[in-house]
Amino acid sequence: MTALDQYQRLEAVALWRSSPDEDPREVVVSFGNATLTLMSMEEEPWGHWSLAALEELGSDEHGLVLTPDPDCQETLSLDDRDMISAIRAVRGNAQREIVERRRIKLLAPALLFLVVLIGAVLLARQPIATFLMQRVDDVTWERVAIALATDRMQADDARFCRVNGSAGLRTSRGHPLLLRIHGRLDPGATAIRPVLVRFDGPPVLSLPGALVLLNANAVDLSDQPEQIAGLLALAQARYDLKLDRQVVTQTLGLIGTVRLAASEVLPRARHDNVLEALISAALRDPQADSAALRLLTAAQLPSLPVSLLLNEYGAPRARIETLQAGDSIGPAVYTPALDDADWLRLKAACD
């Protein structure tokens, strides 16, 4: 702390006592950089008092009484208004600086705690999201899947194939020919419900429940039923790994997932965001590919066909190469996923 510039050359005469019992002595008080300098009338230095440490004790017949001593033994009495104003001004600045330093000392631990807390939240974010996702029961997830599918199928570019409107999304076990293909995959646990629909979008849209929308456009584009078998294997793998539920929770965030768990309903305002994330994951998310390859291998079906179909939809090149490299069938002979007659019926199912 430095004295204010306008007081740098200020001097005054005051009365100094070394203790309350001593007689006062005249001294010259000089306003310095950070101290008051006390000198005899012959200008011999007697002491330096810290400006920041001065305390006012009140007034006596000689003026304002100051002390640098917590025990109030040594005192100084002065009545020079300029000197008093200077001392008070500097003391005010000093006290504000002390308060600021205390605030900084208090703020530093608080900021450190906040940083640690934020770091802990970020590290725990995925476990928390997983915990919340598990708090949403299967019935609610199925309700969310039906709501999202209904919303998507209300668009002008969408229509159902052999499903009687949106009510079929809730009651249908899935398209019978798709179920026949899916039966080759031997999923073991709960099976998906593949519904054949037509819409502008990915070849297959997995939803957070068992409901799966298989795009009739992909059937039109396919040359063999093994391409559809690959799509169903990918959808079953995503369902088994609960990947689409993770997409929903990541899109909603922690607060949105808490609300979903509490209300058991996905807010209509979040449908578009969630659908957009699910559609992106359908083409770009490779997390289910290894599990899907295992399903195809167990069914003795090739993965090369589905990789070629996904390539037509612009899936990432690395994903295409992984599916191709994982083809355990290769040129070996295998039993087709559908015979020719059923394959033709599936191709015509959404005319």
Protein backbone atom coordinates (compact mmCIF):
# COMPACT_ATOMS: atom_id res chain seq x y z
CA MET A 1 0.00 0.00 0.00
CA THR A 2 1.31 3.47 -0.86
CA ALA A 3 0.19 6.83 0.38
CA LEU A 4 -2.02 8.90 -1.86
CA ASP A 5 -0.03 11.13 -4.21
CA GLN A 6 -1.57 14.41 -3.03
CA TYR A 7 -0.28 13.78 0.52
CA GLN A 8 3.30 12.79 -0.27
CA ARG A 9 4.84 16.04 1.07
CA LEU A 10 2.45 16.61 3.97
CA GLU A 11 3.85 17.47 7.43
CA ALA A 12 2.27 18.58 10.69
CA VAL A 13 3.14 19.25 14.35
CA ALA A 14 1.59 16.87 16.90
CA LEU A 15 1.91 15.77 20.52
CA TRP A 16 3.42 12.35 21.19
CA ARG A 17 3.24 10.28 24.36
CA SER A 18 5.26 7.11 24.89
CA SER A 19 2.67 6.00 27.48
CA PRO A 20 -0.44 7.46 29.14
CA ASP A 21 1.63 8.46 32.20
CA GLU A 22 4.24 10.40 30.26
CA ASP A 23 4.04 14.07 29.44
CA PRO A 24 3.37 14.89 25.79
CA ARG A 25 6.21 16.04 23.56
CA GLU A 26 5.99 18.03 20.38
CA VAL A 27 7.01 16.10 17.27
CA VAL A 28 6.96 16.70 13.57
CA VAL A 29 4.82 14.16 11.73
CA SER A 30 5.73 13.51 8.11
CA PHE A 31 3.34 11.66 5.78
CA GLY A 32 5.44 9.02 4.00
CA ASN A 33 5.07 6.24 1.49
CA ALA A 34 3.46 3.69 3.82
CA THR A 35 4.23 5.16 7.23
CA LEU A 36 4.03 8.21 9.41
CA THR A 37 7.52 9.40 10.35
CA LEU A 38 7.85 10.96 13.78
CA MET A 39 10.76 13.38 14.27
CA SER A 40 11.91 15.70 17.03
CA MET A 41 11.75 19.42 16.48
CA GLU A 42 15.42 19.12 15.54
CA GLU A 43 14.34 16.66 12.79
CA GLU A 44 15.82 13.62 14.47
CA PRO A 45 13.76 10.50 13.57
CA TRP A 46 11.97 8.92 16.52
CA GLY A 47 9.94 6.27 14.83
CA HIS A 48 7.84 5.03 11.92
CA TRP A 49 4.22 4.15 12.33
CA SER A 50 2.43 2.01 9.76
CA LEU A 51 -0.43 3.97 8.24
CA ALA A 52 -2.47 0.79 7.83
CA ALA A 53 -2.07 -0.12 11.52
CA LEU A 54 -3.18 3.22 12.99
CA GLU A 55 -6.28 3.24 15.15
CA GLU A 56 -8.36 6.25 16.25
CA LEU A 57 -8.93 6.43 20.01
CA GLY A 58 -11.15 9.47 19.92
CA SER A 59 -10.28 13.13 20.66
CA ASP A 60 -8.79 15.13 23.50
CA GLU A 61 -8.06 18.80 24.01
CA HIS A 62 -5.21 18.55 21.51
CA GLY A 63 -7.15 16.96 18.68
CA LEU A 64 -7.55 13.49 17.24
CA VAL A 65 -5.78 10.75 19.21
CA LEU A 66 -4.11 7.94 17.23
CA THR A 67 -2.19 4.85 18.29
CA PRO A 68 -0.19 2.17 16.46
CA ASP A 69 -0.17 0.05 19.59
CA PRO A 70 -2.88 -2.57 20.28
CA ASP A 71 -2.36 -1.86 24.00
CA CYS A 72 -2.90 1.89 23.40
CA GLN A 73 0.31 2.81 25.26
CA GLU A 74 1.90 5.03 22.61
CA THR A 75 -0.34 7.81 21.29
CA LEU A 76 -0.26 10.78 18.98
CA SER A 77 -2.57 13.82 19.21
CA LEU A 78 -2.92 16.12 16.23
CA ASP A 79 -5.39 18.71 14.99
CA ASP A 80 -4.09 19.34 11.47
CA ARG A 81 -7.12 18.77 9.24
CA ASP A 82 -5.10 17.91 6.14
CA MET A 83 -3.03 15.34 8.02
CA ILE A 84 -6.15 13.83 9.59
CA SER A 85 -7.86 13.62 6.19
CA ALA A 86 -4.77 12.02 4.67
CA ILE A 87 -4.49 9.41 7.41
CA ARG A 88 -8.18 8.53 7.18
CA ALA A 89 -8.07 8.30 3.40
CA VAL A 90 -5.06 5.97 3.41
CA ARG A 91 -6.44 3.89 6.26
CA GLY A 92 -9.70 3.48 4.30
CA ASN A 93 -7.77 2.27 1.26
CA ALA A 94 -5.69 -0.05 3.40
CA GLN A 95 -8.75 -1.55 5.07
CA ARG A 96 -10.41 -2.12 1.70
CA GLU A 97 -7.27 -3.87 0.47
CA ILE A 98 -7.27 -6.04 3.58
CA VAL A 99 -10.91 -6.95 3.00
CA GLU A 100 -10.16 -7.77 -0.65
CA ARG A 101 -7.22 -9.94 0.36
CA ARG A 102 -9.42 -11.76 2.85
CA ARG A 103 -12.05 -12.27 0.17
CA ILE A 104 -9.43 -13.68 -2.18
CA LYS A 105 -8.18 -16.01 0.56
CA LEU A 106 -11.72 -17.18 1.16
CA LEU A 107 -12.55 -17.32 -2.54
CA ALA A 108 -9.54 -19.44 -3.49
CA PRO A 109 -10.67 -22.53 -1.52
CA ALA A 110 -14.22 -22.01 -2.78
CA LEU A 111 -13.02 -21.88 -6.40
CA LEU A 112 -10.84 -24.93 -5.82
CA PHE A 113 -13.82 -26.78 -4.35
CA LEU A 114 -15.95 -25.72 -7.33
CA VAL A 115 -13.33 -26.96 -9.80
CA VAL A 116 -13.07 -30.27 -7.96
CA LEU A 117 -16.86 -30.55 -7.85
CA ILE A 118 -17.21 -29.85 -11.57
CA GLY A 119 -14.49 -32.39 -12.30
CA ALA A 120 -16.22 -34.97 -10.14
CA VAL A 121 -19.54 -34.31 -11.89
CA LEU A 122 -17.91 -34.68 -15.31
CA LEU A 123 -16.19 -37.90 -14.28
CA ALA A 124 -19.39 -39.23 -12.76
CA ARG A 125 -21.60 -38.03 -15.57
CA GLN A 126 -21.68 -41.33 -17.44
CA PRO A 127 -22.25 -43.47 -14.32
CA ILE A 128 -25.02 -41.08 -13.27
CA ALA A 129 -26.58 -41.21 -16.74
CA THR A 130 -26.38 -45.02 -16.71
CA PHE A 131 -27.99 -45.13 -13.27
CA LEU A 132 -30.81 -42.84 -14.37
CA MET A 133 -31.31 -44.81 -17.57
CA GLN A 134 -31.78 -47.94 -15.47
CA ARG A 135 -34.32 -46.13 -13.32
CA VAL A 136 -36.60 -45.88 -16.38
CA ASP A 137 -38.43 -49.20 -16.62
CA ASP A 138 -38.96 -51.23 -19.80
CA VAL A 139 -42.63 -50.28 -20.01
CA THR A 140 -41.72 -46.58 -20.08
CA TRP A 141 -39.03 -47.16 -22.70
CA GLU A 142 -41.53 -49.01 -24.86
CA ARG A 143 -44.01 -46.15 -24.41
CA VAL A 144 -41.29 -43.70 -25.47
CA ALA A 145 -40.45 -45.84 -28.52
CA ILE A 146 -44.09 -45.94 -29.62
CA ALA A 147 -44.47 -42.18 -29.13
CA LEU A 148 -41.34 -41.47 -31.20
CA ALA A 149 -42.39 -43.88 -33.94
CA THR A 150 -45.89 -42.41 -34.06
CA ASP A 151 -44.46 -38.93 -34.33
CA ARG A 152 -42.06 -39.95 -37.12
CA MET A 153 -44.79 -41.73 -39.07
CA GLN A 154 -47.03 -38.65 -39.03
CA ALA A 155 -44.64 -36.91 -41.43
CA ASP A 156 -45.69 -36.47 -45.07
CA ASP A 157 -42.84 -38.71 -46.27
CA ALA A 158 -43.89 -41.70 -44.13
CA ARG A 159 -46.49 -44.45 -44.41
CA PHE A 160 -47.14 -47.84 -42.85
CA CYS A 161 -46.74 -51.14 -44.68
CA ARG A 162 -49.26 -53.81 -43.63
CA VAL A 163 -49.83 -52.11 -40.28
CA ASN A 164 -53.21 -50.53 -39.60
CA GLY A 165 -52.07 -47.07 -38.67
CA SER A 166 -50.28 -46.01 -35.55
CA ALA A 167 -52.29 -48.43 -33.38
CA GLY A 168 -50.34 -51.24 -35.02
CA LEU A 169 -47.14 -49.95 -33.50
CA ARG A 170 -48.46 -50.93 -30.10
CA THR A 171 -50.14 -54.24 -30.97
CA SER A 172 -48.08 -55.71 -33.82
CA ARG A 173 -45.36 -58.26 -33.07
CA GLY A 174 -43.73 -57.15 -36.29
CA HIS A 175 -43.89 -58.00 -39.95
CA PRO A 176 -44.10 -61.81 -40.30
CA LEU A 177 -41.46 -62.04 -43.03
CA LEU A 178 -39.11 -59.81 -41.04
CA LEU A 179 -39.71 -62.04 -38.01
CA ARG A 180 -38.83 -65.07 -40.11
CA ILE A 181 -35.53 -63.50 -41.09
CA HIS A 182 -34.95 -62.43 -37.52
CA GLY A 183 -35.58 -65.98 -36.32
CA ARG A 184 -32.27 -67.02 -37.87
CA LEU A 185 -30.35 -64.68 -35.58
CA ASP A 186 -31.11 -66.57 -32.33
CA PRO A 187 -31.02 -63.47 -30.08
CA GLY A 188 -31.71 -65.54 -26.97
CA ALA A 189 -33.22 -62.76 -24.83
CA THR A 190 -36.07 -60.40 -25.66
CA ALA A 191 -36.42 -60.01 -29.42
CA ILE A 192 -37.06 -56.77 -31.26
CA ARG A 193 -40.38 -56.04 -33.00
CA PRO A 194 -39.48 -55.07 -36.60
CA VAL A 195 -42.27 -53.11 -38.30
CA LEU A 196 -42.05 -52.47 -42.03
CA VAL A 197 -42.66 -48.79 -42.89
CA ARG A 198 -41.59 -46.36 -45.57
CA PHE A 199 -39.95 -43.04 -44.71
CA ASP A 200 -37.07 -40.84 -45.74
CA GLY A 201 -34.27 -41.83 -43.41
CA PRO A 202 -31.84 -44.59 -42.46
CA PRO A 203 -32.42 -48.20 -43.56
CA VAL A 204 -33.40 -49.16 -40.02
CA LEU A 205 -34.36 -46.97 -37.09
CA SER A 206 -33.86 -48.56 -33.68
CA LEU A 207 -35.88 -47.06 -30.85
CA PRO A 208 -35.31 -47.24 -27.07
CA GLY A 209 -37.89 -50.02 -26.70
CA ALA A 210 -38.13 -53.26 -28.66
CA LEU A 211 -39.87 -51.48 -31.54
CA VAL A 212 -37.77 -51.12 -34.71
CA LEU A 213 -38.77 -49.33 -37.90
CA LEU A 214 -37.32 -51.14 -40.91
CA ASN A 215 -37.40 -48.88 -43.93
CA ALA A 216 -39.14 -50.32 -47.01
CA ASN A 217 -36.81 -48.17 -49.10
CA ALA A 218 -33.94 -50.38 -47.85
CA VAL A 219 -35.86 -53.48 -48.95
CA ASP A 220 -36.33 -51.93 -52.40
CA LEU A 221 -32.60 -51.16 -52.56
CA SER A 222 -31.52 -54.62 -51.39
CA ASP A 223 -30.57 -57.44 -53.75
CA GLN A 224 -30.81 -60.26 -51.22
CA PRO A 225 -32.55 -60.96 -47.89
CA GLU A 226 -29.17 -61.21 -46.11
CA GLN A 227 -28.93 -57.43 -46.33
CA ILE A 228 -32.15 -57.17 -44.30
CA ALA A 229 -30.87 -59.85 -41.93
CA GLY A 230 -27.82 -57.66 -41.30
CA LEU A 231 -30.03 -54.66 -40.52
CA LEU A 232 -32.07 -56.71 -38.06
CA ALA A 233 -28.88 -58.03 -36.46
CA LEU A 234 -27.68 -54.45 -35.95
CA ALA A 235 -31.06 -53.47 -34.47
CA GLN A 236 -31.09 -56.49 -32.14
CA ALA A 237 -27.54 -55.76 -31.01
CA ARG A 238 -28.42 -52.12 -30.28
CA TYR A 239 -31.43 -53.29 -28.25
CA ASP A 240 -29.38 -55.84 -26.30
CA LEU A 241 -26.70 -53.23 -25.48
CA LYS A 242 -29.33 -50.55 -24.68
CA LEU A 243 -27.49 -48.15 -26.98
CA ASP A 244 -30.60 -46.30 -28.09
CA ARG A 245 -31.61 -45.72 -24.48
CA GLN A 246 -28.16 -44.18 -23.98
CA VAL A 247 -28.76 -41.93 -26.99
CA VAL A 248 -32.01 -40.73 -25.43
CA THR A 249 -30.47 -40.03 -22.01
CA GLN A 250 -27.49 -38.24 -23.56
CA THR A 251 -29.85 -36.09 -25.63
CA LEU A 252 -32.11 -35.28 -22.68
CA GLY A 253 -29.25 -34.65 -20.24
CA LEU A 254 -29.34 -35.48 -16.55
CA ILE A 255 -32.28 -33.22 -15.70
CA GLY A 256 -34.32 -34.37 -18.68
CA THR A 257 -33.66 -38.02 -17.82
CA VAL A 258 -34.75 -37.42 -14.21
CA ARG A 259 -37.99 -35.93 -15.53
CA LEU A 260 -38.49 -38.89 -17.84
CA ALA A 261 -37.99 -41.32 -14.95
CA ALA A 262 -40.41 -39.35 -12.78
CA SER A 263 -43.15 -38.67 -15.35
CA GLU A 264 -42.69 -41.85 -17.49
CA VAL A 265 -43.40 -39.67 -20.54
CA LEU A 266 -41.03 -38.09 -23.04
CA PRO A 267 -42.06 -34.43 -23.52
CA ARG A 268 -43.38 -33.77 -27.01
CA ALA A 269 -41.02 -30.80 -27.32
CA ARG A 270 -38.02 -33.18 -27.14
CA HIS A 271 -39.20 -35.63 -29.82
CA ASP A 272 -37.43 -33.92 -32.71
CA ASN A 273 -34.09 -33.73 -30.88
CA VAL A 274 -34.26 -37.35 -29.78
CA LEU A 275 -35.30 -38.61 -33.22
CA GLU A 276 -32.51 -36.67 -34.85
CA ALA A 277 -29.97 -38.25 -32.48
CA LEU A 278 -31.38 -41.75 -33.06
CA ILE A 279 -31.32 -41.33 -36.85
CA SER A 280 -27.69 -40.15 -36.70
CA ALA A 281 -26.74 -43.10 -34.51
CA ALA A 282 -28.40 -45.54 -36.92
CA LEU A 283 -25.79 -44.75 -39.58
CA ARG A 284 -22.77 -43.45 -37.68
CA ASP A 285 -22.63 -45.32 -34.37
CA PRO A 286 -20.49 -48.49 -34.70
CA GLN A 287 -20.87 -49.67 -31.09
CA ALA A 288 -23.26 -52.50 -31.97
CA ASP A 289 -21.32 -53.79 -34.98
CA SER A 290 -19.25 -56.41 -33.14
CA ALA A 291 -22.33 -57.83 -31.41
CA ALA A 292 -24.22 -57.84 -34.73
CA LEU A 293 -21.36 -59.73 -36.38
CA ARG A 294 -21.60 -62.38 -33.67
CA LEU A 295 -25.34 -62.75 -34.30
CA LEU A 296 -24.77 -63.14 -38.04
CA THR A 297 -21.98 -65.65 -37.46
CA ALA A 298 -24.19 -67.71 -35.13
CA ALA A 299 -26.92 -67.64 -37.80
CA GLN A 300 -24.37 -68.61 -40.48
CA LEU A 301 -25.19 -65.51 -42.48
CA PRO A 302 -22.70 -63.14 -44.15
CA SER A 303 -22.13 -59.53 -43.08
CA LEU A 304 -20.80 -58.37 -46.44
CA PRO A 305 -24.31 -57.75 -47.85
CA VAL A 306 -25.35 -55.36 -45.07
CA SER A 307 -22.04 -53.49 -45.36
CA LEU A 308 -22.78 -52.88 -49.05
CA LEU A 309 -26.27 -51.63 -48.19
CA LEU A 310 -24.99 -49.26 -45.49
CA ASN A 311 -22.45 -47.98 -47.98
CA GLU A 312 -25.34 -46.93 -50.22
CA TYR A 313 -26.68 -44.86 -47.31
CA GLY A 314 -23.37 -43.08 -46.71
CA ALA A 315 -22.26 -44.84 -43.52
CA PRO A 316 -18.68 -44.01 -42.45
CA ARG A 317 -16.02 -45.87 -44.42
CA ALA A 318 -14.36 -47.28 -41.31
CA ARG A 319 -17.63 -48.88 -40.28
CA ILE A 320 -18.12 -50.45 -43.71
CA GLU A 321 -14.61 -51.90 -43.61
CA THR A 322 -15.15 -53.32 -40.11
CA LEU A 323 -18.34 -55.10 -41.18
CA GLN A 324 -16.65 -56.46 -44.27
CA ALA A 325 -13.58 -57.64 -42.35
CA GLY A 326 -15.81 -59.40 -39.81
CA ASP A 327 -17.58 -61.52 -42.42
CA SER A 328 -16.97 -65.09 -41.18
CA ILE A 329 -18.90 -66.72 -44.03
CA GLY A 330 -16.97 -65.38 -46.99
CA PRO A 331 -17.51 -67.41 -50.15
CA ALA A 332 -18.88 -70.42 -48.22
CA VAL A 333 -22.31 -71.75 -49.13
CA TYR A 334 -25.08 -70.75 -46.70
CA THR A 335 -28.83 -71.11 -46.44
CA PRO A 336 -30.52 -67.88 -47.56
CA ALA A 337 -32.37 -65.83 -44.93
CA LEU A 338 -35.56 -66.20 -47.05
CA ASP A 339 -36.41 -68.40 -49.99
CA ASP A 340 -37.03 -66.70 -53.31
CA ALA A 341 -40.83 -66.67 -53.01
CA ASP A 342 -40.84 -65.06 -49.56
CA TRP A 343 -38.17 -62.60 -50.63
CA LEU A 344 -40.35 -61.48 -53.52
CA ARG A 345 -43.33 -61.15 -51.17
CA LEU A 346 -41.26 -58.94 -48.84
CA LYS A 347 -40.13 -56.82 -51.77
CA ALA A 348 -43.78 -56.30 -52.72
CA ALA A 349 -45.04 -55.79 -49.15
CA CYS A 350 -44.97 -52.00 -49.34
CA ASP A 351 -45.99 -51.35 -52.96
